């Protein structure tokens, strides 16, 4: 059995807590699946930079993601 690594969190930045970002996160998490910031926006947050774009990942199928975003 593999050992689980701890999940670390970075301090929230303005773009993470902005109303549009929170609305997208809420819509994607509506089914209970995890939703995470990924990629360069995470790197930029760690470095204290403003990201050029925001990447979000979820294990949901594309059809489910589209349906949830349209509903929201």
PDB file of N, CA and C in Angstrom:
ATOM      1  N   UNK A   1       0.849  -1.184   0.000  1.00  0.00           N
ATOM      2  CA  UNK A   1       0.000   0.000   0.000  1.00  0.00           C
ATOM      3  C   UNK A   1       0.888   1.239   0.000  1.00  0.00           C
ATOM      4  N   UNK A   2       0.575   2.194  -0.880  1.00  0.00           N
ATOM      5  CA  UNK A   2       1.393   3.397  -0.953  1.00  0.00           C
ATOM      6  C   UNK A   2       0.956   4.398   0.112  1.00  0.00           C
ATOM      7  N   UNK A   3       1.922   5.146   0.563  1.00  0.00           N
ATOM      8  CA  UNK A   3       1.671   6.157   1.595  1.00  0.00           C
ATOM      9  C   UNK A   3       1.145   7.424   0.925  1.00  0.00           C
ATOM     10  N   UNK A   4       0.090   8.007   1.496  1.00  0.00           N
ATOM     11  CA  UNK A   4      -0.471   9.245   0.941  1.00  0.00           C
ATOM     12  C   UNK A   4       0.394  10.420   1.372  1.00  0.00           C
ATOM     13  N   UNK A   5       0.636  11.313   0.428  1.00  0.00           N
ATOM     14  CA  UNK A   5       1.379  12.525   0.728  1.00  0.00           C
ATOM     15  C   UNK A   5       0.420  13.579   1.258  1.00  0.00           C
ATOM     16  N   UNK A   6       0.893  14.450   2.131  1.00  0.00           N
ATOM     17  CA  UNK A   6       0.000  15.499   2.645  1.00  0.00           C
ATOM     18  C   UNK A   6      -0.362  16.494   1.547  1.00  0.00           C
ATOM     19  N   UNK A   7      -1.567  16.999   1.622  1.00  0.00           N
ATOM     20  CA  UNK A   7      -2.014  18.037   0.696  1.00  0.00           C
ATOM     21  C   UNK A   7      -1.678  19.381   1.328  1.00  0.00           C
ATOM     22  N   UNK A   8      -0.925  20.182   0.611  1.00  0.00           N
ATOM     23  CA  UNK A   8      -0.578  21.504   1.118  1.00  0.00           C
ATOM     24  C   UNK A   8      -1.392  22.545   0.387  1.00  0.00           C
ATOM     25  N   UNK A   9      -1.697  23.611   1.070  1.00  0.00           N
ATOM     26  CA  UNK A   9      -2.480  24.686   0.471  1.00  0.00           C
ATOM     27  C   UNK A   9      -1.655  25.957   0.472  1.00  0.00           C
ATOM     28  N   UNK A  10      -1.866  26.753  -0.557  1.00  0.00           N
ATOM     29  CA  UNK A  10      -1.230  28.059  -0.617  1.00  0.00           C
ATOM     30  C   UNK A  10      -2.252  29.097  -0.174  1.00  0.00           C
ATOM     31  N   UNK A  11      -1.767  30.216   0.282  1.00  0.00           N
ATOM     32  CA  UNK A  11      -2.668  31.278   0.729  1.00  0.00           C
ATOM     33  C   UNK A  11      -3.504  31.767  -0.456  1.00  0.00           C
ATOM     34  N   UNK A  12      -4.816  31.925  -0.262  1.00  0.00           N
ATOM     35  CA  UNK A  12      -5.668  32.398  -1.357  1.00  0.00           C
ATOM     36  C   UNK A  12      -5.233  33.773  -1.856  1.00  0.00           C
ATOM     37  N   UNK A  13      -5.302  33.954  -3.149  1.00  0.00           N
ATOM     38  CA  UNK A  13      -4.985  35.242  -3.766  1.00  0.00           C
ATOM     39  C   UNK A  13      -6.281  35.874  -4.267  1.00  0.00           C
ATOM     40  N   UNK A  14      -6.189  37.110  -4.727  1.00  0.00           N
ATOM     41  CA  UNK A  14      -7.388  37.817  -5.186  1.00  0.00           C
ATOM     42  C   UNK A  14      -8.119  37.071  -6.292  1.00  0.00           C
ATOM     43  N   UNK A  15      -7.394  36.524  -7.251  1.00  0.00           N
ATOM     44  CA  UNK A  15      -8.055  35.841  -8.359  1.00  0.00           C
ATOM     45  C   UNK A  15      -8.717  34.546  -7.908  1.00  0.00           C
ATOM     46  N   UNK A  16      -8.208  33.926  -6.861  1.00  0.00           N
ATOM     47  CA  UNK A  16      -8.817  32.686  -6.353  1.00  0.00           C
ATOM     48  C   UNK A  16     -10.155  32.948  -5.666  1.00  0.00           C
ATOM     49  N   UNK A  17     -10.283  34.107  -5.055  1.00  0.00           N
ATOM     50  CA  UNK A  17     -11.490  34.417  -4.293  1.00  0.00           C
ATOM     51  C   UNK A  17     -12.432  35.369  -5.028  1.00  0.00           C
ATOM     52  N   UNK A  18     -12.083  35.743  -6.261  1.00  0.00           N
ATOM     53  CA  UNK A  18     -12.937  36.635  -7.045  1.00  0.00           C
ATOM     54  C   UNK A  18     -14.288  35.964  -7.310  1.00  0.00           C
ATOM     55  N   UNK A  19     -15.330  36.757  -7.375  1.00  0.00           N
ATOM     56  CA  UNK A  19     -16.693  36.243  -7.566  1.00  0.00           C
ATOM     57  C   UNK A  19     -16.807  35.334  -8.795  1.00  0.00           C
ATOM     58  N   UNK A  20     -16.274  35.721  -9.966  1.00  0.00           N
ATOM     59  CA  UNK A  20     -16.398  34.820 -11.127  1.00  0.00           C
ATOM     60  C   UNK A  20     -15.683  33.471 -10.917  1.00  0.00           C
ATOM     61  N   UNK A  21     -14.514  33.505 -10.306  1.00  0.00           N
ATOM     62  CA  UNK A  21     -13.778  32.264 -10.050  1.00  0.00           C
ATOM     63  C   UNK A  21     -14.557  31.372  -9.097  1.00  0.00           C
ATOM     64  N   UNK A  22     -15.082  31.964  -8.042  1.00  0.00           N
ATOM     65  CA  UNK A  22     -15.851  31.185  -7.053  1.00  0.00           C
ATOM     66  C   UNK A  22     -17.113  30.598  -7.690  1.00  0.00           C
ATOM     67  N   UNK A  23     -17.731  31.321  -8.619  1.00  0.00           N
ATOM     68  CA  UNK A  23     -18.927  30.814  -9.294  1.00  0.00           C
ATOM     69  C   UNK A  23     -18.599  29.584 -10.138  1.00  0.00           C
ATOM     70  N   UNK A  24     -17.475  29.618 -10.841  1.00  0.00           N
ATOM     71  CA  UNK A  24     -17.062  28.465 -11.638  1.00  0.00           C
ATOM     72  C   UNK A  24     -16.750  27.276 -10.731  1.00  0.00           C
ATOM     73  N   UNK A  25     -16.011  27.513  -9.655  1.00  0.00           N
ATOM     74  CA  UNK A  25     -15.685  26.430  -8.718  1.00  0.00           C
ATOM     75  C   UNK A  25     -16.949  25.816  -8.129  1.00  0.00           C
ATOM     76  N   UNK A  26     -17.889  26.650  -7.745  1.00  0.00           N
ATOM     77  CA  UNK A  26     -19.145  26.161  -7.166  1.00  0.00           C
ATOM     78  C   UNK A  26     -19.910  25.306  -8.169  1.00  0.00           C
ATOM     79  N   UNK A  27     -19.978  25.768  -9.409  1.00  0.00           N
ATOM     80  CA  UNK A  27     -20.700  25.019 -10.445  1.00  0.00           C
ATOM     81  C   UNK A  27     -20.034  23.667 -10.692  1.00  0.00           C
ATOM     82  N   UNK A  28     -18.716  23.652 -10.788  1.00  0.00           N
ATOM     83  CA  UNK A  28     -18.006  22.402 -11.068  1.00  0.00           C
ATOM     84  C   UNK A  28     -18.075  21.423  -9.905  1.00  0.00           C
ATOM     85  N   UNK A  29     -18.136  21.927  -8.684  1.00  0.00           N
ATOM     86  CA  UNK A  29     -18.164  21.065  -7.505  1.00  0.00           C
ATOM     87  C   UNK A  29     -19.575  20.634  -7.122  1.00  0.00           C
ATOM     88  N   UNK A  30     -20.574  21.030  -7.886  1.00  0.00           N
ATOM     89  CA  UNK A  30     -21.969  20.761  -7.535  1.00  0.00           C
ATOM     90  C   UNK A  30     -22.267  19.283  -7.331  1.00  0.00           C
ATOM     91  N   UNK A  31     -21.571  18.410  -8.030  1.00  0.00           N
ATOM     92  CA  UNK A  31     -21.804  16.975  -7.896  1.00  0.00           C
ATOM     93  C   UNK A  31     -20.956  16.320  -6.824  1.00  0.00           C
ATOM     94  N   UNK A  32     -20.121  17.107  -6.155  1.00  0.00           N
ATOM     95  CA  UNK A  32     -19.293  16.575  -5.081  1.00  0.00           C
ATOM     96  C   UNK A  32     -17.896  16.158  -5.503  1.00  0.00           C
ATOM     97  N   UNK A  33     -17.582  16.256  -6.783  1.00  0.00           N
ATOM     98  CA  UNK A  33     -16.242  15.888  -7.245  1.00  0.00           C
ATOM     99  C   UNK A  33     -15.238  16.972  -6.842  1.00  0.00           C
ATOM    100  N   UNK A  34     -13.986  16.586  -6.616  1.00  0.00           N
ATOM    101  CA  UNK A  34     -12.980  17.595  -6.279  1.00  0.00           C
ATOM    102  C   UNK A  34     -12.687  18.508  -7.459  1.00  0.00           C
ATOM    103  N   UNK A  35     -12.373  19.746  -7.150  1.00  0.00           N
ATOM    104  CA  UNK A  35     -12.015  20.743  -8.152  1.00  0.00           C
ATOM    105  C   UNK A  35     -10.736  21.406  -7.653  1.00  0.00           C
ATOM    106  N   UNK A  36      -9.732  21.505  -8.526  1.00  0.00           N
ATOM    107  CA  UNK A  36      -8.442  22.039  -8.107  1.00  0.00           C
ATOM    108  C   UNK A  36      -7.888  23.017  -9.140  1.00  0.00           C
ATOM    109  N   UNK A  37      -7.178  24.041  -8.643  1.00  0.00           N
ATOM    110  CA  UNK A  37      -6.381  24.889  -9.513  1.00  0.00           C
ATOM    111  C   UNK A  37      -5.142  24.087  -9.888  1.00  0.00           C
ATOM    112  N   UNK A  38      -4.733  24.168 -11.142  1.00  0.00           N
ATOM    113  CA  UNK A  38      -3.566  23.419 -11.609  1.00  0.00           C
ATOM    114  C   UNK A  38      -2.732  24.291 -12.553  1.00  0.00           C
ATOM    115  N   UNK A  39      -1.531  23.842 -12.816  1.00  0.00           N
ATOM    116  CA  UNK A  39      -0.694  24.459 -13.829  1.00  0.00           C
ATOM    117  C   UNK A  39      -0.045  25.765 -13.420  1.00  0.00           C
ATOM    118  N   UNK A  40       0.132  26.614 -14.423  1.00  0.00           N
ATOM    119  CA  UNK A  40       0.870  27.857 -14.237  1.00  0.00           C
ATOM    120  C   UNK A  40       0.263  28.812 -13.237  1.00  0.00           C
ATOM    121  N   UNK A  41      -1.050  28.797 -13.063  1.00  0.00           N
ATOM    122  CA  UNK A  41      -1.662  29.714 -12.086  1.00  0.00           C
ATOM    123  C   UNK A  41      -1.224  29.366 -10.663  1.00  0.00           C
ATOM    124  N   UNK A  42      -1.001  28.085 -10.409  1.00  0.00           N
ATOM    125  CA  UNK A  42      -0.518  27.668  -9.089  1.00  0.00           C
ATOM    126  C   UNK A  42       0.926  28.127  -8.907  1.00  0.00           C
ATOM    127  N   UNK A  43       1.738  27.894  -9.932  1.00  0.00           N
ATOM    128  CA  UNK A  43       3.138  28.352  -9.891  1.00  0.00           C
ATOM    129  C   UNK A  43       3.189  29.860  -9.652  1.00  0.00           C
ATOM    130  N   UNK A  44       2.379  30.604 -10.412  1.00  0.00           N
ATOM    131  CA  UNK A  44       2.382  32.055 -10.284  1.00  0.00           C
ATOM    132  C   UNK A  44       1.934  32.498  -8.892  1.00  0.00           C
ATOM    133  N   UNK A  45       0.931  31.822  -8.318  1.00  0.00           N
ATOM    134  CA  UNK A  45       0.473  32.165  -6.968  1.00  0.00           C
ATOM    135  C   UNK A  45       1.592  31.955  -5.954  1.00  0.00           C
ATOM    136  N   UNK A  46       2.332  30.867  -6.104  1.00  0.00           N
ATOM    137  CA  UNK A  46       3.455  30.597  -5.193  1.00  0.00           C
ATOM    138  C   UNK A  46       4.522  31.680  -5.329  1.00  0.00           C
ATOM    139  N   UNK A  47       4.735  32.148  -6.549  1.00  0.00           N
ATOM    140  CA  UNK A  47       5.748  33.176  -6.799  1.00  0.00           C
ATOM    141  C   UNK A  47       5.245  34.597  -6.544  1.00  0.00           C
ATOM    142  N   UNK A  48       3.950  34.734  -6.229  1.00  0.00           N
ATOM    143  CA  UNK A  48       3.381  36.054  -5.977  1.00  0.00           C
ATOM    144  C   UNK A  48       3.090  36.836  -7.240  1.00  0.00           C
ATOM    145  N   UNK A  49       2.918  36.129  -8.363  1.00  0.00           N
ATOM    146  CA  UNK A  49       2.634  36.770  -9.647  1.00  0.00           C
ATOM    147  C   UNK A  49       1.154  36.650  -9.994  1.00  0.00           C
ATOM    148  N   UNK A  50       0.695  37.552 -10.839  1.00  0.00           N
ATOM    149  CA  UNK A  50      -0.676  37.476 -11.357  1.00  0.00           C
ATOM    150  C   UNK A  50      -0.670  36.497 -12.537  1.00  0.00           C
ATOM    151  N   UNK A  51      -1.537  35.490 -12.528  1.00  0.00           N
ATOM    152  CA  UNK A  51      -1.505  34.513 -13.618  1.00  0.00           C
ATOM    153  C   UNK A  51      -2.062  35.082 -14.917  1.00  0.00           C
ATOM    154  N   UNK A  52      -1.572  34.544 -16.025  1.00  0.00           N
ATOM    155  CA  UNK A  52      -2.089  34.936 -17.329  1.00  0.00           C
ATOM    156  C   UNK A  52      -3.412  34.258 -17.627  1.00  0.00           C
ATOM    157  N   UNK A  53      -3.615  33.077 -17.051  1.00  0.00           N
ATOM    158  CA  UNK A  53      -4.877  32.355 -17.180  1.00  0.00           C
ATOM    159  C   UNK A  53      -5.035  31.449 -15.967  1.00  0.00           C
ATOM    160  N   UNK A  54      -6.217  30.912 -15.798  1.00  0.00           N
ATOM    161  CA  UNK A  54      -6.515  30.059 -14.645  1.00  0.00           C
ATOM    162  C   UNK A  54      -6.923  28.691 -15.164  1.00  0.00           C
ATOM    163  N   UNK A  55      -6.177  27.674 -14.762  1.00  0.00           N
ATOM    164  CA  UNK A  55      -6.493  26.302 -15.141  1.00  0.00           C
ATOM    165  C   UNK A  55      -7.128  25.591 -13.954  1.00  0.00           C
ATOM    166  N   UNK A  56      -8.229  24.890 -14.227  1.00  0.00           N
ATOM    167  CA  UNK A  56      -8.965  24.170 -13.192  1.00  0.00           C
ATOM    168  C   UNK A  56      -9.149  22.739 -13.666  1.00  0.00           C
ATOM    169  N   UNK A  57      -8.949  21.785 -12.765  1.00  0.00           N
ATOM    170  CA  UNK A  57      -9.108  20.373 -13.116  1.00  0.00           C
ATOM    171  C   UNK A  57     -10.159  19.726 -12.223  1.00  0.00           C
ATOM    172  N   UNK A  58     -10.890  18.777 -12.808  1.00  0.00           N
ATOM    173  CA  UNK A  58     -11.859  17.958 -12.101  1.00  0.00           C
ATOM    174  C   UNK A  58     -11.893  16.597 -12.799  1.00  0.00           C
ATOM    175  N   UNK A  59     -12.201  15.540 -12.075  1.00  0.00           N
ATOM    176  CA  UNK A  59     -12.269  14.230 -12.724  1.00  0.00           C
ATOM    177  C   UNK A  59     -13.571  14.000 -13.502  1.00  0.00           C
ATOM    178  N   UNK A  60     -14.467  14.966 -13.485  1.00  0.00           N
ATOM    179  CA  UNK A  60     -15.752  14.813 -14.168  1.00  0.00           C
ATOM    180  C   UNK A  60     -15.559  14.748 -15.685  1.00  0.00           C
ATOM    181  N   UNK A  61     -16.469  14.085 -16.356  1.00  0.00           N
ATOM    182  CA  UNK A  61     -16.442  14.001 -17.816  1.00  0.00           C
ATOM    183  C   UNK A  61     -16.753  15.365 -18.424  1.00  0.00           C
ATOM    184  N   UNK A  62     -16.215  15.650 -19.627  1.00  0.00           N
ATOM    185  CA  UNK A  62     -16.481  16.945 -20.262  1.00  0.00           C
ATOM    186  C   UNK A  62     -17.975  17.265 -20.377  1.00  0.00           C
ATOM    187  N   UNK A  63     -18.791  16.263 -20.688  1.00  0.00           N
ATOM    188  CA  UNK A  63     -20.228  16.493 -20.823  1.00  0.00           C
ATOM    189  C   UNK A  63     -20.838  16.978 -19.497  1.00  0.00           C
ATOM    190  N   UNK A  64     -20.358  16.418 -18.402  1.00  0.00           N
ATOM    191  CA  UNK A  64     -20.847  16.814 -17.075  1.00  0.00           C
ATOM    192  C   UNK A  64     -20.408  18.228 -16.758  1.00  0.00           C
ATOM    193  N   UNK A  65     -19.160  18.553 -17.067  1.00  0.00           N
ATOM    194  CA  UNK A  65     -18.639  19.899 -16.819  1.00  0.00           C
ATOM    195  C   UNK A  65     -19.448  20.923 -17.615  1.00  0.00           C
ATOM    196  N   UNK A  66     -19.676  20.654 -18.884  1.00  0.00           N
ATOM    197  CA  UNK A  66     -20.443  21.578 -19.729  1.00  0.00           C
ATOM    198  C   UNK A  66     -21.855  21.758 -19.190  1.00  0.00           C
ATOM    199  N   UNK A  67     -22.511  20.650 -18.809  1.00  0.00           N
ATOM    200  CA  UNK A  67     -23.873  20.735 -18.283  1.00  0.00           C
ATOM    201  C   UNK A  67     -23.926  21.570 -17.003  1.00  0.00           C
ATOM    202  N   UNK A  68     -22.985  21.362 -16.105  1.00  0.00           N
ATOM    203  CA  UNK A  68     -22.983  22.117 -14.851  1.00  0.00           C
ATOM    204  C   UNK A  68     -22.732  23.601 -15.090  1.00  0.00           C
ATOM    205  N   UNK A  69     -21.818  23.914 -15.981  1.00  0.00           N
ATOM    206  CA  UNK A  69     -21.535  25.324 -16.263  1.00  0.00           C
ATOM    207  C   UNK A  69     -22.708  25.997 -16.956  1.00  0.00           C
ATOM    208  N   UNK A  70     -23.370  25.300 -17.865  1.00  0.00           N
ATOM    209  CA  UNK A  70     -24.558  25.861 -18.519  1.00  0.00           C
ATOM    210  C   UNK A  70     -25.680  26.091 -17.519  1.00  0.00           C
ATOM    211  N   UNK A  71     -25.852  25.164 -16.587  1.00  0.00           N
ATOM    212  CA  UNK A  71     -26.897  25.293 -15.575  1.00  0.00           C
ATOM    213  C   UNK A  71     -26.632  26.474 -14.652  1.00  0.00           C
ATOM    214  N   UNK A  72     -25.359  26.697 -14.337  1.00  0.00           N
ATOM    215  CA  UNK A  72     -24.989  27.802 -13.435  1.00  0.00           C
ATOM    216  C   UNK A  72     -25.159  29.133 -14.147  1.00  0.00           C
TER     217      UNK A  72
END
